Amino acid sequence: MGDANRKIYESFLSAFDNIQQRSTLLDSTARIITAGSYPGSPSYPRSTLILALAILGSIVLAVGLAFIGEFLDGGFRTSTQIEEALGCPVLA
Protein backbone atom coordinates (compact mmCIF):
# COMPACT_ATOMS: atom_id res chain seq x y z
CA MET A 1 0.00 0.00 0.00
CA GLY A 2 2.85 2.38 0.82
CA ASP A 3 4.62 1.78 -2.50
CA ALA A 4 1.44 2.54 -4.49
CA ASN A 5 0.91 5.78 -2.61
CA ARG A 6 4.55 6.71 -3.13
CA LYS A 7 4.31 6.08 -6.90
CA ILE A 8 1.12 8.17 -7.16
CA TYR A 9 2.78 10.97 -5.20
CA GLU A 10 5.84 10.90 -7.46
CA SER A 11 3.62 10.89 -10.55
CA PHE A 12 1.72 13.95 -9.35
CA LEU A 13 4.95 15.66 -8.34
CA SER A 14 6.50 15.15 -11.77
CA ALA A 15 3.31 16.38 -13.48
CA PHE A 16 3.37 19.47 -11.24
CA ASP A 17 7.01 20.17 -12.06
CA ASN A 18 6.27 19.77 -15.78
CA ILE A 19 3.37 22.22 -15.63
CA GLN A 20 5.41 24.68 -13.57
CA GLN A 21 8.25 24.61 -16.13
CA ARG A 22 5.81 25.21 -19.00
CA SER A 23 4.31 28.24 -17.26
CA THR A 24 7.70 29.94 -16.97
CA LEU A 25 8.52 29.61 -20.67
CA LEU A 26 8.01 32.73 -22.77
CA ASP A 27 6.54 32.50 -26.26
CA SER A 28 8.82 34.51 -28.51
CA THR A 29 6.25 34.59 -31.33
CA ALA A 30 3.77 36.57 -29.28
CA ARG A 31 3.70 40.35 -29.69
CA ILE A 32 1.49 43.31 -28.93
CA ILE A 33 -0.16 44.69 -32.06
CA THR A 34 -2.04 47.61 -30.53
CA ALA A 35 -2.41 48.84 -26.99
CA GLY A 36 -5.70 48.12 -25.29
CA SER A 37 -8.09 50.92 -24.43
CA TYR A 38 -10.91 51.30 -21.95
CA PRO A 39 -14.42 51.56 -23.38
CA GLY A 40 -16.36 54.78 -22.86
CA SER A 41 -19.51 53.03 -21.66
CA PRO A 42 -20.41 49.49 -20.66
CA SER A 43 -21.53 47.25 -23.50
CA TYR A 44 -23.65 45.03 -21.27
CA PRO A 45 -26.18 45.27 -19.65
CA ARG A 46 -27.95 47.93 -21.68
CA SER A 47 -29.67 49.72 -18.84
CA THR A 48 -31.81 52.04 -21.00
CA LEU A 49 -33.31 49.08 -22.86
CA ILE A 50 -33.94 47.20 -19.61
CA LEU A 51 -35.54 50.29 -18.06
CA ALA A 52 -37.79 50.84 -21.10
CA LEU A 53 -38.91 47.20 -21.09
CA ALA A 54 -39.58 47.31 -17.34
CA ILE A 55 -41.73 50.44 -17.68
CA LEU A 56 -43.64 48.99 -20.64
CA GLY A 57 -44.15 45.69 -18.82
CA SER A 58 -45.41 47.39 -15.68
CA ILE A 59 -47.88 49.51 -17.68
CA VAL A 60 -49.22 46.42 -19.47
CA LEU A 61 -49.50 44.56 -16.17
CA ALA A 62 -51.29 47.48 -14.46
CA VAL A 63 -53.81 47.86 -17.30
CA GLY A 64 -54.42 44.11 -17.36
CA LEU A 65 -54.99 43.98 -13.62
CA ALA A 66 -57.37 46.96 -13.85
CA PHE A 67 -59.43 45.20 -16.54
CA ILE A 68 -59.51 41.98 -14.55
CA GLY A 69 -60.61 43.90 -11.45
CA GLU A 70 -63.42 45.60 -13.36
CA PHE A 71 -64.51 42.33 -14.95
CA LEU A 72 -64.64 40.42 -11.66
CA ASP A 73 -66.45 43.16 -9.73
CA GLY A 74 -70.13 42.12 -9.60
CA GLY A 75 -71.53 44.95 -7.46
CA PHE A 76 -73.92 47.76 -8.36
CA ARG A 77 -72.45 50.99 -9.69
CA THR A 78 -75.44 53.30 -10.19
CA SER A 79 -78.83 53.77 -8.61
CA THR A 80 -80.51 52.81 -11.90
CA GLN A 81 -78.85 49.39 -11.78
CA ILE A 82 -80.29 48.86 -8.31
CA GLU A 83 -83.79 49.98 -9.36
CA GLU A 84 -83.71 47.69 -12.41
CA ALA A 85 -82.39 44.69 -10.50
CA LEU A 86 -84.57 44.99 -7.39
CA GLY A 87 -87.60 46.85 -8.75
CA CYS A 88 -87.59 49.26 -5.80
CA PRO A 89 -86.96 53.01 -5.76
CA VAL A 90 -83.60 54.16 -4.38
CA LEU A 91 -83.46 56.92 -1.79
CA ALA A 92 -79.77 57.67 -1.75
PDB file of N, CA and C in Angstrom:
ATOM      1  N   MET A   1       0.825  -1.185   0.000  1.00  0.00           N
ATOM      2  CA  MET A   1       0.000   0.000   0.000  1.00  0.00           C
ATOM      3  C   MET A   1       0.874   1.255   0.000  1.00  0.00           C
ATOM      4  N   GLY A   2       1.959   1.226   0.739  1.00  0.00           N
ATOM      5  CA  GLY A   2       2.850   2.381   0.823  1.00  0.00           C
ATOM      6  C   GLY A   2       3.556   2.668  -0.487  1.00  0.00           C
ATOM      7  N   ASP A   3       3.934   1.583  -1.221  1.00  0.00           N
ATOM      8  CA  ASP A   3       4.616   1.777  -2.504  1.00  0.00           C
ATOM      9  C   ASP A   3       3.677   2.405  -3.526  1.00  0.00           C
ATOM     10  N   ALA A   4       2.415   1.987  -3.537  1.00  0.00           N
ATOM     11  CA  ALA A   4       1.441   2.538  -4.491  1.00  0.00           C
ATOM     12  C   ALA A   4       1.222   4.020  -4.218  1.00  0.00           C
ATOM     13  N   ASN A   5       1.093   4.366  -2.956  1.00  0.00           N
ATOM     14  CA  ASN A   5       0.914   5.778  -2.613  1.00  0.00           C
ATOM     15  C   ASN A   5       2.144   6.600  -2.997  1.00  0.00           C
ATOM     16  N   ARG A   6       3.299   6.016  -2.790  1.00  0.00           N
ATOM     17  CA  ARG A   6       4.549   6.714  -3.130  1.00  0.00           C
ATOM     18  C   ARG A   6       4.650   6.931  -4.634  1.00  0.00           C
ATOM     19  N   LYS A   7       4.264   5.946  -5.435  1.00  0.00           N
ATOM     20  CA  LYS A   7       4.308   6.079  -6.897  1.00  0.00           C
ATOM     21  C   LYS A   7       3.309   7.129  -7.379  1.00  0.00           C
ATOM     22  N   ILE A   8       2.124   7.163  -6.789  1.00  0.00           N
ATOM     23  CA  ILE A   8       1.117   8.165  -7.160  1.00  0.00           C
ATOM     24  C   ILE A   8       1.620   9.565  -6.806  1.00  0.00           C
ATOM     25  N   TYR A   9       2.224   9.685  -5.619  1.00  0.00           N
ATOM     26  CA  TYR A   9       2.784  10.967  -5.203  1.00  0.00           C
ATOM     27  C   TYR A   9       3.868  11.436  -6.160  1.00  0.00           C
ATOM     28  N   GLU A  10       4.762  10.539  -6.540  1.00  0.00           N
ATOM     29  CA  GLU A  10       5.837  10.902  -7.459  1.00  0.00           C
ATOM     30  C   GLU A  10       5.293  11.273  -8.831  1.00  0.00           C
ATOM     31  N   SER A  11       4.239  10.580  -9.264  1.00  0.00           N
ATOM     32  CA  SER A  11       3.618  10.893 -10.551  1.00  0.00           C
ATOM     33  C   SER A  11       3.015  12.298 -10.533  1.00  0.00           C
ATOM     34  N   PHE A  12       2.296  12.618  -9.467  1.00  0.00           N
ATOM     35  CA  PHE A  12       1.718  13.953  -9.346  1.00  0.00           C
ATOM     36  C   PHE A  12       2.803  15.023  -9.230  1.00  0.00           C
ATOM     37  N   LEU A  13       3.854  14.718  -8.516  1.00  0.00           N
ATOM     38  CA  LEU A  13       4.950  15.663  -8.338  1.00  0.00           C
ATOM     39  C   LEU A  13       5.641  15.948  -9.670  1.00  0.00           C
ATOM     40  N   SER A  14       5.856  14.933 -10.470  1.00  0.00           N
ATOM     41  CA  SER A  14       6.499  15.154 -11.772  1.00  0.00           C
ATOM     42  C   SER A  14       5.563  15.914 -12.711  1.00  0.00           C
ATOM     43  N   ALA A  15       4.268  15.640 -12.660  1.00  0.00           N
ATOM     44  CA  ALA A  15       3.313  16.382 -13.481  1.00  0.00           C
ATOM     45  C   ALA A  15       3.281  17.850 -13.048  1.00  0.00           C
ATOM     46  N   PHE A  16       3.351  18.097 -11.748  1.00  0.00           N
ATOM     47  CA  PHE A  16       3.372  19.473 -11.242  1.00  0.00           C
ATOM     48  C   PHE A  16       4.624  20.205 -11.701  1.00  0.00           C
ATOM     49  N   ASP A  17       5.766  19.544 -11.613  1.00  0.00           N
ATOM     50  CA  ASP A  17       7.014  20.166 -12.062  1.00  0.00           C
ATOM     51  C   ASP A  17       6.962  20.476 -13.559  1.00  0.00           C
ATOM     52  N   ASN A  18       6.395  19.572 -14.335  1.00  0.00           N
ATOM     53  CA  ASN A  18       6.271  19.767 -15.781  1.00  0.00           C
ATOM     54  C   ASN A  18       5.397  20.980 -16.086  1.00  0.00           C
ATOM     55  N   ILE A  19       4.277  21.085 -15.411  1.00  0.00           N
ATOM     56  CA  ILE A  19       3.374  22.222 -15.626  1.00  0.00           C
ATOM     57  C   ILE A  19       4.028  23.521 -15.179  1.00  0.00           C
ATOM     58  N   GLN A  20       4.745  23.485 -14.071  1.00  0.00           N
ATOM     59  CA  GLN A  20       5.411  24.679 -13.569  1.00  0.00           C
ATOM     60  C   GLN A  20       6.496  25.148 -14.543  1.00  0.00           C
ATOM     61  N   GLN A  21       7.226  24.239 -15.160  1.00  0.00           N
ATOM     62  CA  GLN A  21       8.251  24.611 -16.129  1.00  0.00           C
ATOM     63  C   GLN A  21       7.614  25.203 -17.383  1.00  0.00           C
ATOM     64  N   ARG A  22       6.485  24.676 -17.811  1.00  0.00           N
ATOM     65  CA  ARG A  22       5.813  25.211 -19.002  1.00  0.00           C
ATOM     66  C   ARG A  22       5.290  26.622 -18.758  1.00  0.00           C
ATOM     67  N   SER A  23       4.860  26.913 -17.537  1.00  0.00           N
ATOM     68  CA  SER A  23       4.306  28.235 -17.261  1.00  0.00           C
ATOM     69  C   SER A  23       5.379  29.313 -17.246  1.00  0.00           C
ATOM     70  N   THR A  24       6.633  28.947 -17.012  1.00  0.00           N
ATOM     71  CA  THR A  24       7.697  29.942 -16.970  1.00  0.00           C
ATOM     72  C   THR A  24       8.296  30.217 -18.346  1.00  0.00           C
ATOM     73  N   LEU A  25       7.990  29.391 -19.332  1.00  0.00           N
ATOM     74  CA  LEU A  25       8.518  29.614 -20.673  1.00  0.00           C
ATOM     75  C   LEU A  25       7.827  30.804 -21.318  1.00  0.00           C
ATOM     76  N   LEU A  26       8.568  31.593 -22.054  1.00  0.00           N
ATOM     77  CA  LEU A  26       8.011  32.731 -22.772  1.00  0.00           C
ATOM     78  C   LEU A  26       7.869  32.361 -24.239  1.00  0.00           C
ATOM     79  N   ASP A  27       6.760  32.766 -24.836  1.00  0.00           N
ATOM     80  CA  ASP A  27       6.539  32.496 -26.256  1.00  0.00           C
ATOM     81  C   ASP A  27       7.109  33.666 -27.040  1.00  0.00           C
ATOM     82  N   SER A  28       8.161  33.425 -27.789  1.00  0.00           N
ATOM     83  CA  SER A  28       8.824  34.507 -28.509  1.00  0.00           C
ATOM     84  C   SER A  28       8.034  34.962 -29.733  1.00  0.00           C
ATOM     85  N   THR A  29       7.036  34.195 -30.161  1.00  0.00           N
ATOM     86  CA  THR A  29       6.253  34.590 -31.330  1.00  0.00           C
ATOM     87  C   THR A  29       5.112  35.523 -30.967  1.00  0.00           C
ATOM     88  N   ALA A  30       4.852  35.693 -29.696  1.00  0.00           N
ATOM     89  CA  ALA A  30       3.767  36.574 -29.278  1.00  0.00           C
ATOM     90  C   ALA A  30       4.243  38.007 -29.265  1.00  0.00           C
ATOM     91  N   ARG A  31       3.352  38.929 -29.711  1.00  0.00           N
ATOM     92  CA  ARG A  31       3.703  40.347 -29.693  1.00  0.00           C
ATOM     93  C   ARG A  31       2.439  41.181 -29.551  1.00  0.00           C
ATOM     94  N   ILE A  32       2.609  42.389 -29.104  1.00  0.00           N
ATOM     95  CA  ILE A  32       1.491  43.310 -28.927  1.00  0.00           C
ATOM     96  C   ILE A  32       1.308  44.088 -30.229  1.00  0.00           C
ATOM     97  N   ILE A  33       0.121  43.989 -30.810  1.00  0.00           N
ATOM     98  CA  ILE A  33      -0.156  44.693 -32.059  1.00  0.00           C
ATOM     99  C   ILE A  33      -0.590  46.125 -31.763  1.00  0.00           C
ATOM    100  N   THR A  34      -1.605  46.282 -30.943  1.00  0.00           N
ATOM    101  CA  THR A  34      -2.044  47.614 -30.528  1.00  0.00           C
ATOM    102  C   THR A  34      -2.304  47.587 -29.029  1.00  0.00           C
ATOM    103  N   ALA A  35      -2.174  48.732 -28.434  1.00  0.00           N
ATOM    104  CA  ALA A  35      -2.410  48.837 -26.992  1.00  0.00           C
ATOM    105  C   ALA A  35      -3.912  48.804 -26.736  1.00  0.00           C
ATOM    106  N   GLY A  36      -4.297  48.196 -25.648  1.00  0.00           N
ATOM    107  CA  GLY A  36      -5.705  48.121 -25.287  1.00  0.00           C
ATOM    108  C   GLY A  36      -6.205  49.461 -24.764  1.00  0.00           C
ATOM    109  N   SER A  37      -7.499  49.684 -24.930  1.00  0.00           N
ATOM    110  CA  SER A  37      -8.094  50.925 -24.426  1.00  0.00           C
ATOM    111  C   SER A  37      -9.366  50.594 -23.660  1.00  0.00           C
ATOM    112  N   TYR A  38      -9.700  51.482 -22.733  1.00  0.00           N
ATOM    113  CA  TYR A  38     -10.906  51.296 -21.947  1.00  0.00           C
ATOM    114  C   TYR A  38     -12.115  51.796 -22.730  1.00  0.00           C
ATOM    115  N   PRO A  39     -13.231  51.087 -22.675  1.00  0.00           N
ATOM    116  CA  PRO A  39     -14.421  51.561 -23.382  1.00  0.00           C
ATOM    117  C   PRO A  39     -15.027  52.766 -22.664  1.00  0.00           C
ATOM    118  N   GLY A  40     -15.741  53.600 -23.440  1.00  0.00           N
ATOM    119  CA  GLY A  40     -16.362  54.780 -22.861  1.00  0.00           C
ATOM    120  C   GLY A  40     -17.586  54.463 -22.026  1.00  0.00           C
ATOM    121  N   SER A  41     -18.306  53.424 -22.406  1.00  0.00           N
ATOM    122  CA  SER A  41     -19.505  53.031 -21.664  1.00  0.00           C
ATOM    123  C   SER A  41     -19.592  51.506 -21.664  1.00  0.00           C
ATOM    124  N   PRO A  42     -20.298  50.950 -20.711  1.00  0.00           N
ATOM    125  CA  PRO A  42     -20.405  49.488 -20.662  1.00  0.00           C
ATOM    126  C   PRO A  42     -21.213  48.961 -21.844  1.00  0.00           C
ATOM    127  N   SER A  43     -20.804  47.839 -22.367  1.00  0.00           N
ATOM    128  CA  SER A  43     -21.525  47.245 -23.497  1.00  0.00           C
ATOM    129  C   SER A  43     -22.667  46.358 -23.022  1.00  0.00           C
ATOM    130  N   TYR A  44     -22.604  45.890 -21.805  1.00  0.00           N
ATOM    131  CA  TYR A  44     -23.655  45.027 -21.272  1.00  0.00           C
ATOM    132  C   TYR A  44     -23.729  45.231 -19.784  1.00  0.00           C
ATOM    133  N   PRO A  45     -24.810  45.291 -19.136  1.00  0.00           N
ATOM    134  CA  PRO A  45     -26.178  45.271 -19.654  1.00  0.00           C
ATOM    135  C   PRO A  45     -26.592  46.651 -20.148  1.00  0.00           C
ATOM    136  N   ARG A  46     -27.468  46.670 -21.140  1.00  0.00           N
ATOM    137  CA  ARG A  46     -27.952  47.931 -21.684  1.00  0.00           C
ATOM    138  C   ARG A  46     -29.084  48.426 -20.781  1.00  0.00           C
ATOM    139  N   SER A  47     -28.733  49.316 -19.884  1.00  0.00           N
ATOM    140  CA  SER A  47     -29.671  49.724 -18.841  1.00  0.00           C
ATOM    141  C   SER A  47     -30.853  50.514 -19.396  1.00  0.00           C
ATOM    142  N   THR A  48     -30.674  51.295 -20.457  1.00  0.00           N
ATOM    143  CA  THR A  48     -31.809  52.039 -21.004  1.00  0.00           C
ATOM    144  C   THR A  48     -32.838  51.094 -21.608  1.00  0.00           C
ATOM    145  N   LEU A  49     -32.382  50.059 -22.286  1.00  0.00           N
ATOM    146  CA  LEU A  49     -33.314  49.076 -22.860  1.00  0.00           C
ATOM    147  C   LEU A  49     -34.038  48.317 -21.757  1.00  0.00           C
ATOM    148  N   ILE A  50     -33.321  47.930 -20.720  1.00  0.00           N
ATOM    149  CA  ILE A  50     -33.936  47.201 -19.611  1.00  0.00           C
ATOM    150  C   ILE A  50     -34.953  48.089 -18.905  1.00  0.00           C
ATOM    151  N   LEU A  51     -34.622  49.362 -18.702  1.00  0.00           N
ATOM    152  CA  LEU A  51     -35.543  50.291 -18.060  1.00  0.00           C
ATOM    153  C   LEU A  51     -36.797  50.496 -18.908  1.00  0.00           C
ATOM    154  N   ALA A  52     -36.639  50.653 -20.219  1.00  0.00           N
ATOM    155  CA  ALA A  52     -37.790  50.837 -21.101  1.00  0.00           C
ATOM    156  C   ALA A  52     -38.694  49.605 -21.081  1.00  0.00           C
ATOM    157  N   LEU A  53     -38.112  48.424 -21.124  1.00  0.00           N
ATOM    158  CA  LEU A  53     -38.908  47.196 -21.087  1.00  0.00           C
ATOM    159  C   LEU A  53     -39.606  47.025 -19.740  1.00  0.00           C
ATOM    160  N   ALA A  54     -38.962  47.420 -18.666  1.00  0.00           N
ATOM    161  CA  ALA A  54     -39.578  47.311 -17.342  1.00  0.00           C
ATOM    162  C   ALA A  54     -40.762  48.261 -17.223  1.00  0.00           C
ATOM    163  N   ILE A  55     -40.623  49.478 -17.725  1.00  0.00           N
ATOM    164  CA  ILE A  55     -41.727  50.436 -17.680  1.00  0.00           C
ATOM    165  C   ILE A  55     -42.887  49.954 -18.537  1.00  0.00           C
ATOM    166  N   LEU A  56     -42.590  49.494 -19.747  1.00  0.00           N
ATOM    167  CA  LEU A  56     -43.641  48.991 -20.641  1.00  0.00           C
ATOM    168  C   LEU A  56     -44.337  47.778 -20.024  1.00  0.00           C
ATOM    169  N   GLY A  57     -43.575  46.874 -19.458  1.00  0.00           N
ATOM    170  CA  GLY A  57     -44.155  45.691 -18.822  1.00  0.00           C
ATOM    171  C   GLY A  57     -45.029  46.039 -17.638  1.00  0.00           C
ATOM    172  N   SER A  58     -44.600  47.011 -16.846  1.00  0.00           N
ATOM    173  CA  SER A  58     -45.408  47.392 -15.682  1.00  0.00           C
ATOM    174  C   SER A  58     -46.699  48.085 -16.107  1.00  0.00           C
ATOM    175  N   ILE A  59     -46.656  48.869 -17.180  1.00  0.00           N
ATOM    176  CA  ILE A  59     -47.881  49.507 -17.681  1.00  0.00           C
ATOM    177  C   ILE A  59     -48.858  48.454 -18.187  1.00  0.00           C
ATOM    178  N   VAL A  60     -48.356  47.499 -18.957  1.00  0.00           N
ATOM    179  CA  VAL A  60     -49.224  46.423 -19.474  1.00  0.00           C
ATOM    180  C   VAL A  60     -49.808  45.625 -18.318  1.00  0.00           C
ATOM    181  N   LEU A  61     -49.019  45.308 -17.326  1.00  0.00           N
ATOM    182  CA  LEU A  61     -49.502  44.558 -16.165  1.00  0.00           C
ATOM    183  C   LEU A  61     -50.549  45.348 -15.389  1.00  0.00           C
ATOM    184  N   ALA A  62     -50.333  46.650 -15.202  1.00  0.00           N
ATOM    185  CA  ALA A  62     -51.287  47.475 -14.461  1.00  0.00           C
ATOM    186  C   ALA A  62     -52.616  47.578 -15.201  1.00  0.00           C
ATOM    187  N   VAL A  63     -52.568  47.775 -16.519  1.00  0.00           N
ATOM    188  CA  VAL A  63     -53.810  47.859 -17.305  1.00  0.00           C
ATOM    189  C   VAL A  63     -54.533  46.516 -17.279  1.00  0.00           C
ATOM    190  N   GLY A  64     -53.803  45.436 -17.413  1.00  0.00           N
ATOM    191  CA  GLY A  64     -54.416  44.110 -17.359  1.00  0.00           C
ATOM    192  C   GLY A  64     -55.072  43.837 -16.025  1.00  0.00           C
ATOM    193  N   LEU A  65     -54.406  44.178 -14.940  1.00  0.00           N
ATOM    194  CA  LEU A  65     -54.992  43.982 -13.615  1.00  0.00           C
ATOM    195  C   LEU A  65     -56.223  44.865 -13.410  1.00  0.00           C
ATOM    196  N   ALA A  66     -56.214  46.074 -13.961  1.00  0.00           N
ATOM    197  CA  ALA A  66     -57.374  46.956 -13.847  1.00  0.00           C
ATOM    198  C   ALA A  66     -58.566  46.356 -14.591  1.00  0.00           C
ATOM    199  N   PHE A  67     -58.340  45.831 -15.792  1.00  0.00           N
ATOM    200  CA  PHE A  67     -59.435  45.205 -16.541  1.00  0.00           C
ATOM    201  C   PHE A  67     -59.963  43.966 -15.831  1.00  0.00           C
ATOM    202  N   ILE A  68     -59.076  43.172 -15.280  1.00  0.00           N
ATOM    203  CA  ILE A  68     -59.508  41.977 -14.548  1.00  0.00           C
ATOM    204  C   ILE A  68     -60.311  42.381 -13.317  1.00  0.00           C
ATOM    205  N   GLY A  69     -59.873  43.418 -12.620  1.00  0.00           N
ATOM    206  CA  GLY A  69     -60.609  43.895 -11.452  1.00  0.00           C
ATOM    207  C   GLY A  69     -61.999  44.403 -11.809  1.00  0.00           C
ATOM    208  N   GLU A  70     -62.114  45.116 -12.914  1.00  0.00           N
ATOM    209  CA  GLU A  70     -63.417  45.599 -13.356  1.00  0.00           C
ATOM    210  C   GLU A  70     -64.313  44.448 -13.797  1.00  0.00           C
ATOM    211  N   PHE A  71     -63.728  43.460 -14.445  1.00  0.00           N
ATOM    212  CA  PHE A  71     -64.508  42.333 -14.950  1.00  0.00           C
ATOM    213  C   PHE A  71     -65.035  41.466 -13.807  1.00  0.00           C
ATOM    214  N   LEU A  72     -64.252  41.289 -12.770  1.00  0.00           N
ATOM    215  CA  LEU A  72     -64.642  40.420 -11.661  1.00  0.00           C
ATOM    216  C   LEU A  72     -65.534  41.115 -10.633  1.00  0.00           C
ATOM    217  N   ASP A  73     -65.625  42.427 -10.687  1.00  0.00           N
ATOM    218  CA  ASP A  73     -66.454  43.161  -9.726  1.00  0.00           C
ATOM    219  C   ASP A  73     -67.922  43.018 -10.119  1.00  0.00           C
ATOM    220  N   GLY A  74     -68.725  42.377  -9.268  1.00  0.00           N
ATOM    221  CA  GLY A  74     -70.128  42.123  -9.604  1.00  0.00           C
ATOM    222  C   GLY A  74     -71.101  43.030  -8.872  1.00  0.00           C
ATOM    223  N   GLY A  75     -70.647  44.078  -8.240  1.00  0.00           N
ATOM    224  CA  GLY A  75     -71.528  44.950  -7.460  1.00  0.00           C
ATOM    225  C   GLY A  75     -72.270  45.966  -8.319  1.00  0.00           C
ATOM    226  N   PHE A  76     -73.171  46.701  -7.674  1.00  0.00           N
ATOM    227  CA  PHE A  76     -73.919  47.756  -8.360  1.00  0.00           C
ATOM    228  C   PHE A  76     -73.071  49.023  -8.428  1.00  0.00           C
ATOM    229  N   ARG A  77     -73.217  49.761  -9.518  1.00  0.00           N
ATOM    230  CA  ARG A  77     -72.451  50.990  -9.694  1.00  0.00           C
ATOM    231  C   ARG A  77     -73.342  52.240  -9.645  1.00  0.00           C
ATOM    232  N   THR A  78     -74.543  52.129 -10.161  1.00  0.00           N
ATOM    233  CA  THR A  78     -75.440  53.295 -10.188  1.00  0.00           C
ATOM    234  C   THR A  78     -76.769  52.940  -9.536  1.00  0.00           C
ATOM    235  N   SER A  79     -77.507  53.996  -9.221  1.00  0.00           N
ATOM    236  CA  SER A  79     -78.826  53.769  -8.614  1.00  0.00           C
ATOM    237  C   SER A  79     -79.797  53.150  -9.619  1.00  0.00           C
ATOM    238  N   THR A  80     -79.637  53.435 -10.892  1.00  0.00           N
ATOM    239  CA  THR A  80     -80.512  52.808 -11.905  1.00  0.00           C
ATOM    240  C   THR A  80     -80.298  51.307 -11.961  1.00  0.00           C
ATOM    241  N   GLN A  81     -79.089  50.832 -11.798  1.00  0.00           N
ATOM    242  CA  GLN A  81     -78.851  49.394 -11.779  1.00  0.00           C
ATOM    243  C   GLN A  81     -79.581  48.748 -10.611  1.00  0.00           C
ATOM    244  N   ILE A  82     -79.598  49.415  -9.485  1.00  0.00           N
ATOM    245  CA  ILE A  82     -80.288  48.863  -8.311  1.00  0.00           C
ATOM    246  C   ILE A  82     -81.788  48.826  -8.552  1.00  0.00           C
ATOM    247  N   GLU A  83     -82.341  49.928  -9.095  1.00  0.00           N
ATOM    248  CA  GLU A  83     -83.788  49.979  -9.356  1.00  0.00           C
ATOM    249  C   GLU A  83     -84.197  48.921 -10.372  1.00  0.00           C
ATOM    250  N   GLU A  84     -83.376  48.693 -11.404  1.00  0.00           N
ATOM    251  CA  GLU A  84     -83.712  47.691 -12.410  1.00  0.00           C
ATOM    252  C   GLU A  84     -83.597  46.285 -11.842  1.00  0.00           C
ATOM    253  N   ALA A  85     -82.596  46.031 -11.033  1.00  0.00           N
ATOM    254  CA  ALA A  85     -82.393  44.688 -10.501  1.00  0.00           C
ATOM    255  C   ALA A  85     -83.397  44.335  -9.405  1.00  0.00           C
ATOM    256  N   LEU A  86     -83.710  45.284  -8.527  1.00  0.00           N
ATOM    257  CA  LEU A  86     -84.566  44.989  -7.392  1.00  0.00           C
ATOM    258  C   LEU A  86     -86.018  45.426  -7.594  1.00  0.00           C
ATOM    259  N   GLY A  87     -86.244  46.356  -8.511  1.00  0.00           N
ATOM    260  CA  GLY A  87     -87.597  46.845  -8.748  1.00  0.00           C
ATOM    261  C   GLY A  87     -88.090  47.780  -7.679  1.00  0.00           C
ATOM    262  N   CYS A  88     -87.211  48.337  -6.875  1.00  0.00           N
ATOM    263  CA  CYS A  88     -87.589  49.256  -5.799  1.00  0.00           C
ATOM    264  C   CYS A  88     -86.922  50.607  -6.042  1.00  0.00           C
ATOM    265  N   PRO A  89     -87.587  51.699  -5.621  1.00  0.00           N
ATOM    266  CA  PRO A  89     -86.956  53.007  -5.765  1.00  0.00           C
ATOM    267  C   PRO A  89     -85.781  53.168  -4.794  1.00  0.00           C
ATOM    268  N   VAL A  90     -84.803  53.941  -5.195  1.00  0.00           N
ATOM    269  CA  VAL A  90     -83.595  54.163  -4.378  1.00  0.00           C
ATOM    270  C   VAL A  90     -83.692  55.549  -3.766  1.00  0.00           C
ATOM    271  N   LEU A  91     -83.397  55.646  -2.482  1.00  0.00           N
ATOM    272  CA  LEU A  91     -83.462  56.920  -1.790  1.00  0.00           C
ATOM    273  C   LEU A  91     -82.130  57.683  -1.839  1.00  0.00           C
ATOM    274  N   ALA A  92     -81.055  56.981  -1.796  1.00  0.00           N
ATOM    275  CA  ALA A  92     -79.768  57.674  -1.749  1.00  0.00           C
ATOM    276  C   ALA A  92     -78.825  57.112  -2.773  1.00  0.00           C
TER     277      ALA A  92
END
